[in-house]
C-alpha atoms as a PDB file:
ATOM      1  CA  UNK A   1     107.901  45.863  72.741  1.00  0.00           C
ATOM      2  CA  UNK A   2     106.985  49.331  74.018  1.00  0.00           C
ATOM      3  CA  UNK A   3     103.314  48.322  74.072  1.00  0.00           C
ATOM      4  CA  UNK A   4     104.093  45.165  76.050  1.00  0.00           C
ATOM      5  CA  UNK A   5     106.155  47.119  78.577  1.00  0.00           C
ATOM      6  CA  UNK A   6     103.371  49.627  79.086  1.00  0.00           C
ATOM      7  CA  UNK A   7     100.834  46.822  79.482  1.00  0.00           C
ATOM      8  CA  UNK A   8     102.911  45.079  82.143  1.00  0.00           C
ATOM      9  CA  UNK A   9     103.402  48.334  84.003  1.00  0.00           C
ATOM     10  CA  UNK A  10      99.652  48.975  84.015  1.00  0.00           C
ATOM     11  CA  UNK A  11      98.892  45.455  85.228  1.00  0.00           C
ATOM     12  CA  UNK A  12     101.346  45.793  88.071  1.00  0.00           C
ATOM     13  CA  UNK A  13      99.663  49.001  89.118  1.00  0.00           C
ATOM     14  CA  UNK A  14      96.330  47.138  89.307  1.00  0.00           C
ATOM     15  CA  UNK A  15      97.562  44.087  91.092  1.00  0.00           C
ATOM     16  CA  UNK A  16      97.846  43.424  94.776  1.00  0.00           C
ATOM     17  CA  UNK A  17     101.059  41.845  96.127  1.00  0.00           C
ATOM     18  CA  UNK A  18     101.313  38.326  94.802  1.00  0.00           C
ATOM     19  CA  UNK A  19     100.933  35.307  97.002  1.00  0.00           C
ATOM     20  CA  UNK A  20     102.326  31.988  95.729  1.00  0.00           C
ATOM     21  CA  UNK A  21      99.535  29.517  95.049  1.00  0.00           C
ATOM     22  CA  UNK A  22      99.597  25.787  95.515  1.00  0.00           C
ATOM     23  CA  UNK A  23      98.158  23.146  93.229  1.00  0.00           C
ATOM     24  CA  UNK A  24      94.434  22.598  93.723  1.00  0.00           C
ATOM     25  CA  UNK A  25      93.530  19.180  95.079  1.00  0.00           C
ATOM     26  CA  UNK A  26      89.813  19.804  95.537  1.00  0.00           C
ATOM     27  CA  UNK A  27      87.336  17.337  94.008  1.00  0.00           C
ATOM     28  CA  UNK A  28      86.197  18.347  90.586  1.00  0.00           C
ATOM     29  CA  UNK A  29      82.685  19.287  91.652  1.00  0.00           C
ATOM     30  CA  UNK A  30      84.156  21.878  94.022  1.00  0.00           C
ATOM     31  CA  UNK A  31      85.688  23.720  91.100  1.00  0.00           C
ATOM     32  CA  UNK A  32      82.255  24.825  89.954  1.00  0.00           C
ATOM     33  CA  UNK A  33      81.341  26.009  93.422  1.00  0.00           C
ATOM     34  CA  UNK A  34      84.632  27.688  94.232  1.00  0.00           C
ATOM     35  CA  UNK A  35      86.203  28.441  90.887  1.00  0.00           C
ATOM     36  CA  UNK A  36      88.641  26.529  88.713  1.00  0.00           C
ATOM     37  CA  UNK A  37      92.051  25.499  90.027  1.00  0.00           C
ATOM     38  CA  UNK A  38      94.278  28.574  90.273  1.00  0.00           C
ATOM     39  CA  UNK A  39      97.622  29.041  88.547  1.00  0.00           C
ATOM     40  CA  UNK A  40      96.595  26.732  85.716  1.00  0.00           C
ATOM     41  CA  UNK A  41      95.484  27.004  82.093  1.00  0.00           C
ATOM     42  CA  UNK A  42      91.887  25.996  81.429  1.00  0.00           C
ATOM     43  CA  UNK A  43      90.028  25.877  78.125  1.00  0.00           C
ATOM     44  CA  UNK A  44      86.407  26.949  77.723  1.00  0.00           C
ATOM     45  CA  UNK A  45      84.853  25.976  74.412  1.00  0.00           C
ATOM     46  CA  UNK A  46      81.733  27.371  72.810  1.00  0.00           C
ATOM     47  CA  UNK A  47      81.445  25.139  69.779  1.00  0.00           C
ATOM     48  CA  UNK A  48      78.794  27.332  68.175  1.00  0.00           C
ATOM     49  CA  UNK A  49      79.249  31.072  67.708  1.00  0.00           C
ATOM     50  CA  UNK A  50      75.848  31.701  69.322  1.00  0.00           C
ATOM     51  CA  UNK A  51      77.182  30.156  72.525  1.00  0.00           C
ATOM     52  CA  UNK A  52      80.130  32.529  72.653  1.00  0.00           C
ATOM     53  CA  UNK A  53      78.451  34.864  75.211  1.00  0.00           C
ATOM     54  CA  UNK A  54      77.688  31.849  77.404  1.00  0.00           C
ATOM     55  CA  UNK A  55      81.303  30.763  77.279  1.00  0.00           C
ATOM     56  CA  UNK A  56      82.445  34.243  78.228  1.00  0.00           C
ATOM     57  CA  UNK A  57      79.876  34.477  81.025  1.00  0.00           C
ATOM     58  CA  UNK A  58      80.918  31.126  82.432  1.00  0.00           C
ATOM     59  CA  UNK A  59      84.591  32.122  82.340  1.00  0.00           C
ATOM     60  CA  UNK A  60      83.913  35.395  84.151  1.00  0.00           C
ATOM     61  CA  UNK A  61      81.748  33.630  86.723  1.00  0.00           C
ATOM     62  CA  UNK A  62      84.559  31.150  87.391  1.00  0.00           C
ATOM     63  CA  UNK A  63      86.979  34.025  87.947  1.00  0.00           C
ATOM     64  CA  UNK A  64      84.531  35.689  90.328  1.00  0.00           C
ATOM     65  CA  UNK A  65      83.888  32.462  92.223  1.00  0.00           C
ATOM     66  CA  UNK A  66      87.622  32.073  92.747  1.00  0.00           C
ATOM     67  CA  UNK A  67      87.996  35.782  93.612  1.00  0.00           C
ATOM     68  CA  UNK A  68      90.776  35.805  91.043  1.00  0.00           C
ATOM     69  CA  UNK A  69      90.892  39.505  90.230  1.00  0.00           C
ATOM     70  CA  UNK A  70      91.911  41.695  88.502  1.00  0.00           C
ATOM     71  CA  UNK A  71      90.912  40.190  85.162  1.00  0.00           C
ATOM     72  CA  UNK A  72      92.663  40.973  81.925  1.00  0.00           C
ATOM     73  CA  UNK A  73      90.586  40.198  78.837  1.00  0.00           C
ATOM     74  CA  UNK A  74      92.502  39.865  75.579  1.00  0.00           C
ATOM     75  CA  UNK A  75      90.683  39.736  72.268  1.00  0.00           C
ATOM     76  CA  UNK A  76      91.451  40.553  68.674  1.00  0.00           C
ATOM     77  CA  UNK A  77      89.771  43.187  66.571  1.00  0.00           C
ATOM     78  CA  UNK A  78      88.315  40.346  64.502  1.00  0.00           C
ATOM     79  CA  UNK A  79      86.800  38.816  67.636  1.00  0.00           C
ATOM     80  CA  UNK A  80      85.121  42.103  68.437  1.00  0.00           C
ATOM     81  CA  UNK A  81      83.693  42.287  64.935  1.00  0.00           C
ATOM     82  CA  UNK A  82      82.391  38.717  65.148  1.00  0.00           C
ATOM     83  CA  UNK A  83      81.193  38.688  68.724  1.00  0.00           C
ATOM     84  CA  UNK A  84      80.339  42.346  69.193  1.00  0.00           C
ATOM     85  CA  UNK A  85      81.542  44.814  71.791  1.00  0.00           C
ATOM     86  CA  UNK A  86      81.363  43.930  75.450  1.00  0.00           C
ATOM     87  CA  UNK A  87      78.177  45.074  77.156  1.00  0.00           C
ATOM     88  CA  UNK A  88      78.980  46.893  80.393  1.00  0.00           C
ATOM     89  CA  UNK A  89      75.538  46.331  81.885  1.00  0.00           C
ATOM     90  CA  UNK A  90      75.699  42.644  81.154  1.00  0.00           C
ATOM     91  CA  UNK A  91      79.082  42.345  82.842  1.00  0.00           C
ATOM     92  CA  UNK A  92      77.776  44.193  85.877  1.00  0.00           C
ATOM     93  CA  UNK A  93      74.789  41.837  85.994  1.00  0.00           C
ATOM     94  CA  UNK A  94      77.255  38.994  86.341  1.00  0.00           C
ATOM     95  CA  UNK A  95      78.765  40.770  89.350  1.00  0.00           C
ATOM     96  CA  UNK A  96      81.922  42.003  87.653  1.00  0.00           C
ATOM     97  CA  UNK A  97      83.249  45.278  89.061  1.00  0.00           C
ATOM     98  CA  UNK A  98      84.420  47.398  86.123  1.00  0.00           C
ATOM     99  CA  UNK A  99      87.408  48.607  88.128  1.00  0.00           C
ATOM    100  CA  UNK A 100      88.785  45.055  88.179  1.00  0.00           C
ATOM    101  CA  UNK A 101      88.584  44.570  84.399  1.00  0.00           C
ATOM    102  CA  UNK A 102      91.198  45.572  81.870  1.00  0.00           C
ATOM    103  CA  UNK A 103      90.199  44.999  78.220  1.00  0.00           C
ATOM    104  CA  UNK A 104      92.906  44.899  75.592  1.00  0.00           C
ATOM    105  CA  UNK A 105      92.171  44.784  71.869  1.00  0.00           C
ATOM    106  CA  UNK A 106      94.957  43.589  69.623  1.00  0.00           C
ATOM    107  CA  UNK A 107      95.300  43.520  65.875  1.00  0.00           C
ATOM    108  CA  UNK A 108      95.564  39.823  65.176  1.00  0.00           C
ATOM    109  CA  UNK A 109      96.269  36.369  66.568  1.00  0.00           C
ATOM    110  CA  UNK A 110     100.028  36.864  66.619  1.00  0.00           C
ATOM    111  CA  UNK A 111      99.638  39.960  68.778  1.00  0.00           C
ATOM    112  CA  UNK A 112      97.147  38.085  70.941  1.00  0.00           C
ATOM    113  CA  UNK A 113      99.715  35.382  71.681  1.00  0.00           C
ATOM    114  CA  UNK A 114     102.456  37.912  72.415  1.00  0.00           C
ATOM    115  CA  UNK A 115     100.248  39.839  74.821  1.00  0.00           C
ATOM    116  CA  UNK A 116      99.056  36.631  76.467  1.00  0.00           C
ATOM    117  CA  UNK A 117     102.651  35.470  76.986  1.00  0.00           C
ATOM    118  CA  UNK A 118     103.519  38.800  78.632  1.00  0.00           C
ATOM    119  CA  UNK A 119     100.411  38.920  80.804  1.00  0.00           C
ATOM    120  CA  UNK A 120     100.739  35.314  81.951  1.00  0.00           C
ATOM    121  CA  UNK A 121     104.033  36.228  83.602  1.00  0.00           C
ATOM    122  CA  UNK A 122     102.564  39.171  85.502  1.00  0.00           C
ATOM    123  CA  UNK A 123     102.419  38.223  89.224  1.00  0.00           C
ATOM    124  CA  UNK A 124      99.367  39.494  91.013  1.00  0.00           C
ATOM    125  CA  UNK A 125      97.074  39.396  88.006  1.00  0.00           C
ATOM    126  CA  UNK A 126      94.159  37.196  89.028  1.00  0.00           C
ATOM    127  CA  UNK A 127      92.800  35.928  85.749  1.00  0.00           C
ATOM    128  CA  UNK A 128      93.914  36.190  82.148  1.00  0.00           C
ATOM    129  CA  UNK A 129      91.065  35.593  79.700  1.00  0.00           C
ATOM    130  CA  UNK A 130      92.211  34.924  76.134  1.00  0.00           C
ATOM    131  CA  UNK A 131      89.384  35.054  73.617  1.00  0.00           C
ATOM    132  CA  UNK A 132      89.831  33.555  70.157  1.00  0.00           C
ATOM    133  CA  UNK A 133      87.456  32.656  67.364  1.00  0.00           C
ATOM    134  CA  UNK A 134      87.782  29.861  64.888  1.00  0.00           C
ATOM    135  CA  UNK A 135      90.752  27.571  64.428  1.00  0.00           C
ATOM    136  CA  UNK A 136      93.453  29.853  65.943  1.00  0.00           C
ATOM    137  CA  UNK A 137      96.378  27.636  64.845  1.00  0.00           C
ATOM    138  CA  UNK A 138      98.807  29.603  67.020  1.00  0.00           C
ATOM    139  CA  UNK A 139      97.205  28.198  70.172  1.00  0.00           C
ATOM    140  CA  UNK A 140      98.896  24.867  69.667  1.00  0.00           C
ATOM    141  CA  UNK A 141     100.485  22.443  72.091  1.00  0.00           C
ATOM    142  CA  UNK A 142     103.704  24.451  72.300  1.00  0.00           C
ATOM    143  CA  UNK A 143     101.985  27.748  72.988  1.00  0.00           C
ATOM    144  CA  UNK A 144      99.633  26.291  75.586  1.00  0.00           C
ATOM    145  CA  UNK A 145     102.522  24.545  77.317  1.00  0.00           C
ATOM    146  CA  UNK A 146     104.316  27.894  77.600  1.00  0.00           C
ATOM    147  CA  UNK A 147     101.164  29.493  78.994  1.00  0.00           C
ATOM    148  CA  UNK A 148     100.755  26.689  81.518  1.00  0.00           C
ATOM    149  CA  UNK A 149     104.356  27.039  82.699  1.00  0.00           C
ATOM    150  CA  UNK A 150     103.904  30.785  83.024  1.00  0.00           C
ATOM    151  CA  UNK A 151     100.687  30.327  84.986  1.00  0.00           C
ATOM    152  CA  UNK A 152     102.320  27.898  87.401  1.00  0.00           C
ATOM    153  CA  UNK A 153     105.203  30.306  87.918  1.00  0.00           C
ATOM    154  CA  UNK A 154     103.235  33.541  88.286  1.00  0.00           C
ATOM    155  CA  UNK A 155     100.059  32.259  89.963  1.00  0.00           C
ATOM    156  CA  UNK A 156      97.826  33.687  87.215  1.00  0.00           C
ATOM    157  CA  UNK A 157      94.799  31.597  86.256  1.00  0.00           C
ATOM    158  CA  UNK A 158      94.467  31.502  82.470  1.00  0.00           C
ATOM    159  CA  UNK A 159      91.150  30.870  80.766  1.00  0.00           C
ATOM    160  CA  UNK A 160      91.343  30.285  77.028  1.00  0.00           C
ATOM    161  CA  UNK A 161      87.907  31.047  75.562  1.00  0.00           C
ATOM    162  CA  UNK A 162      87.579  29.264  72.219  1.00  0.00           C
ATOM    163  CA  UNK A 163      84.542  30.268  70.222  1.00  0.00           C
ATOM    164  CA  UNK A 164      83.391  28.411  67.105  1.00  0.00           C
ATOM    165  CA  UNK A 165      86.407  26.153  67.404  1.00  0.00           C
ATOM    166  CA  UNK A 166      87.124  22.456  67.753  1.00  0.00           C
ATOM    167  CA  UNK A 167      89.476  21.056  70.421  1.00  0.00           C
ATOM    168  CA  UNK A 168      93.064  20.334  69.465  1.00  0.00           C
ATOM    169  CA  UNK A 169      95.906  18.881  71.578  1.00  0.00           C
ATOM    170  CA  UNK A 170      96.911  21.300  74.329  1.00  0.00           C
ATOM    171  CA  UNK A 171      98.558  21.467  77.732  1.00  0.00           C
ATOM    172  CA  UNK A 172      95.465  22.810  79.481  1.00  0.00           C
ATOM    173  CA  UNK A 173      94.563  21.322  82.869  1.00  0.00           C
ATOM    174  CA  UNK A 174      90.884  21.123  82.003  1.00  0.00           C
ATOM    175  CA  UNK A 175      88.692  21.576  78.934  1.00  0.00           C
ATOM    176  CA  UNK A 176      85.034  22.620  79.262  1.00  0.00           C
ATOM    177  CA  UNK A 177      82.182  22.910  76.844  1.00  0.00           C
ATOM    178  CA  UNK A 178      79.578  25.581  77.594  1.00  0.00           C
ATOM    179  CA  UNK A 179      76.216  26.229  76.039  1.00  0.00           C
ATOM    180  CA  UNK A 180      73.331  28.445  77.011  1.00  0.00           C
ATOM    181  CA  UNK A 181      70.648  26.943  79.217  1.00  0.00           C
ATOM    182  CA  UNK A 182      67.158  28.073  80.181  1.00  0.00           C
ATOM    183  CA  UNK A 183      67.063  30.218  83.288  1.00  0.00           C
ATOM    184  CA  UNK A 184      64.451  30.146  86.002  1.00  0.00           C
ATOM    185  CA  UNK A 185      61.861  32.857  85.617  1.00  0.00           C
ATOM    186  CA  UNK A 186      61.423  35.142  88.635  1.00  0.00           C
ATOM    187  CA  UNK A 187      58.265  36.735  89.930  1.00  0.00           C
ATOM    188  CA  UNK A 188      56.097  38.435  87.294  1.00  0.00           C
ATOM    189  CA  UNK A 189      57.963  36.369  84.717  1.00  0.00           C
ATOM    190  CA  UNK A 190      61.070  38.518  85.163  1.00  0.00           C
ATOM    191  CA  UNK A 191      64.299  37.073  83.705  1.00  0.00           C
ATOM    192  CA  UNK A 192      66.263  34.822  86.026  1.00  0.00           C
ATOM    193  CA  UNK A 193      69.975  34.537  86.567  1.00  0.00           C
ATOM    194  CA  UNK A 194      72.388  33.396  83.872  1.00  0.00           C
ATOM    195  CA  UNK A 195      72.264  29.647  83.365  1.00  0.00           C
ATOM    196  CA  UNK A 196      74.737  27.388  81.642  1.00  0.00           C
ATOM    197  CA  UNK A 197      74.991  23.811  80.491  1.00  0.00           C
ATOM    198  CA  UNK A 198      78.611  22.824  81.192  1.00  0.00           C
ATOM    199  CA  UNK A 199      80.438  19.644  80.375  1.00  0.00           C
ATOM    200  CA  UNK A 200      83.926  18.681  81.538  1.00  0.00           C
ATOM    201  CA  UNK A 201      85.427  17.252  78.370  1.00  0.00           C
ATOM    202  CA  UNK A 202      88.963  16.644  79.612  1.00  0.00           C
ATOM    203  CA  UNK A 203      90.886  16.808  82.857  1.00  0.00           C
ATOM    204  CA  UNK A 204      94.556  16.048  83.270  1.00  0.00           C
ATOM    205  CA  UNK A 205      95.046  13.279  85.789  1.00  0.00           C
ATOM    206  CA  UNK A 206      91.338  12.773  86.403  1.00  0.00           C
ATOM    207  CA  UNK A 207      88.141  11.525  84.918  1.00  0.00           C
ATOM    208  CA  UNK A 208      85.999  13.665  82.625  1.00  0.00           C
ATOM    209  CA  UNK A 209      82.699  13.342  80.829  1.00  0.00           C
ATOM    210  CA  UNK A 210      80.665  14.980  83.605  1.00  0.00           C
ATOM    211  CA  UNK A 211      77.951  17.527  82.962  1.00  0.00           C
ATOM    212  CA  UNK A 212      76.031  20.074  84.981  1.00  0.00           C
ATOM    213  CA  UNK A 213      73.225  22.499  84.388  1.00  0.00           C
ATOM    214  CA  UNK A 214      74.052  25.468  86.611  1.00  0.00           C
ATOM    215  CA  UNK A 215      72.722  28.918  87.445  1.00  0.00           C
ATOM    216  CA  UNK A 216      75.068  31.721  88.447  1.00  0.00           C
ATOM    217  CA  UNK A 217      74.260  33.651  91.618  1.00  0.00           C
ATOM    218  CA  UNK A 218      76.076  36.982  91.468  1.00  0.00           C
ATOM    219  CA  UNK A 219      75.269  37.842  95.089  1.00  0.00           C
ATOM    220  CA  UNK A 220      76.884  34.750  96.589  1.00  0.00           C
ATOM    221  CA  UNK A 221      79.314  34.302  93.699  1.00  0.00           C
ATOM    222  CA  UNK A 222      78.473  30.635  93.440  1.00  0.00           C
ATOM    223  CA  UNK A 223      76.943  28.294  90.897  1.00  0.00           C
ATOM    224  CA  UNK A 224      73.705  26.637  91.873  1.00  0.00           C
ATOM    225  CA  UNK A 225      72.206  23.439  90.587  1.00  0.00           C
ATOM    226  CA  UNK A 226      70.302  24.054  87.394  1.00  0.00           C
ATOM    227  CA  UNK A 227      67.470  21.974  88.809  1.00  0.00           C
ATOM    228  CA  UNK A 228      67.173  24.826  91.321  1.00  0.00           C
ATOM    229  CA  UNK A 229      67.248  22.519  94.317  1.00  0.00           C
ATOM    230  CA  UNK A 230      68.807  23.399  97.669  1.00  0.00           C
ATOM    231  CA  UNK A 231      71.748  20.960  97.429  1.00  0.00           C
ATOM    232  CA  UNK A 232      73.681  22.788  94.754  1.00  0.00           C
ATOM    233  CA  UNK A 233      76.476  20.836  93.122  1.00  0.00           C
ATOM    234  CA  UNK A 234      77.072  18.677  96.154  1.00  0.00           C
ATOM    235  CA  UNK A 235      77.497  15.464  94.215  1.00  0.00           C
ATOM    236  CA  UNK A 236      78.449  14.077  90.874  1.00  0.00           C
ATOM    237  CA  UNK A 237      77.497  15.636  87.601  1.00  0.00           C
ATOM    238  CA  UNK A 238      74.020  15.397  86.222  1.00  0.00           C
ATOM    239  CA  UNK A 239      73.534  12.838  83.455  1.00  0.00           C
ATOM    240  CA  UNK A 240      73.075  14.400  80.062  1.00  0.00           C
ATOM    241  CA  UNK A 241      70.215  13.502  77.840  1.00  0.00           C
ATOM    242  CA  UNK A 242      70.722  13.082  74.084  1.00  0.00           C
ATOM    243  CA  UNK A 243      71.410  16.451  72.555  1.00  0.00           C
ATOM    244  CA  UNK A 244      73.235  17.752  75.617  1.00  0.00           C
ATOM    245  CA  UNK A 245      70.250  18.824  77.727  1.00  0.00           C
ATOM    246  CA  UNK A 246      70.138  17.904  81.393  1.00  0.00           C
ATOM    247  CA  UNK A 247      67.830  14.973  81.835  1.00  0.00           C
ATOM    248  CA  UNK A 248      66.028  16.514  84.787  1.00  0.00           C
ATOM    249  CA  UNK A 249      65.904  20.056  83.566  1.00  0.00           C
ATOM    250  CA  UNK A 250      62.923  22.060  84.757  1.00  0.00           C
ATOM    251  CA  UNK A 251      60.195  22.723  82.192  1.00  0.00           C
ATOM    252  CA  UNK A 252      60.204  25.782  80.278  1.00  0.00           C
ATOM    253  CA  UNK A 253      58.676  28.926  81.640  1.00  0.00           C
ATOM    254  CA  UNK A 254      62.099  30.238  80.959  1.00  0.00           C
ATOM    255  CA  UNK A 255      64.221  32.181  78.581  1.00  0.00           C
ATOM    256  CA  UNK A 256      67.544  31.604  76.872  1.00  0.00           C
ATOM    257  CA  UNK A 257      70.357  33.405  78.598  1.00  0.00           C
ATOM    258  CA  UNK A 258      74.023  33.179  79.561  1.00  0.00           C
END
C-alpha cells in the first residue's frame, strides 16, 4: 500500500491539470494518424516474442501521436528478463522525451495488476502502458472492465501490450496486432524510420479486419503510409496478402525494424 501511495504521489507531481475527455467519434483511420481514442483501454498484441519491440514501438508512437503524456510503463521483472531492458537511444529515436516517461518494474503479475489499477485512476496521466508476456490469466474480462471504467473516469488512455499471447475476451475498445515491417532505406542505404504492419482485429461498435503498413515519423508525430506515398492513411486499410504482408509493399532494399 505504501508503494502504491508513493507511486500515485509521484504521478501527480508529473501530471498537468486534468481536462475531462470526451468519447472519440473519429473514423477509425484517423486513429492511426492522430492516436487511439483517449480515455479508453486498447490492446496491442505481438503474437510472436520477436515482435514484442514492434508492439512496444507502435504503442509509444500512438501515445506520442495523441500527445498523451506523461507515459507510465509498467512491466514485471520477468518481462524485463524475457524482453530485455529498455534502450534509451531507441526510445529517443521514436521521439519519446525521457522526462515524460516513468518506468516501474514490479515483481509479478499480481503486482502489475495492482499498480495498473492504481495508475489508471490517476487523473492527468496521459498514457498507461501495461506490458505482459504470455497468457497473463489475471488480465481477464473482469480486470479489463475495471481498467476501462477507470480510464473513462480519469481520462487516462490505457494500452495493454500483450507479447507472445493469444487474445482472450476483454473489455478493450480496440485490439490490434502488430508485427515488424521493412522500413524505407534512406540515402547511402541508411536505416529508415520504424515501420509496422498493423491489423485492427477487433473494435467495439465498429467493423474490424483492416490492415495497414505504416512508417512512424518522429518529427511530425504521425504515421505515414507504408507504401511511402504522399496520401498517408487517407482512406481504408490496405488489403493484406497471405501471410500478413501488405499486398503493395515496396520491394526490399530495406531492413527489419520497429
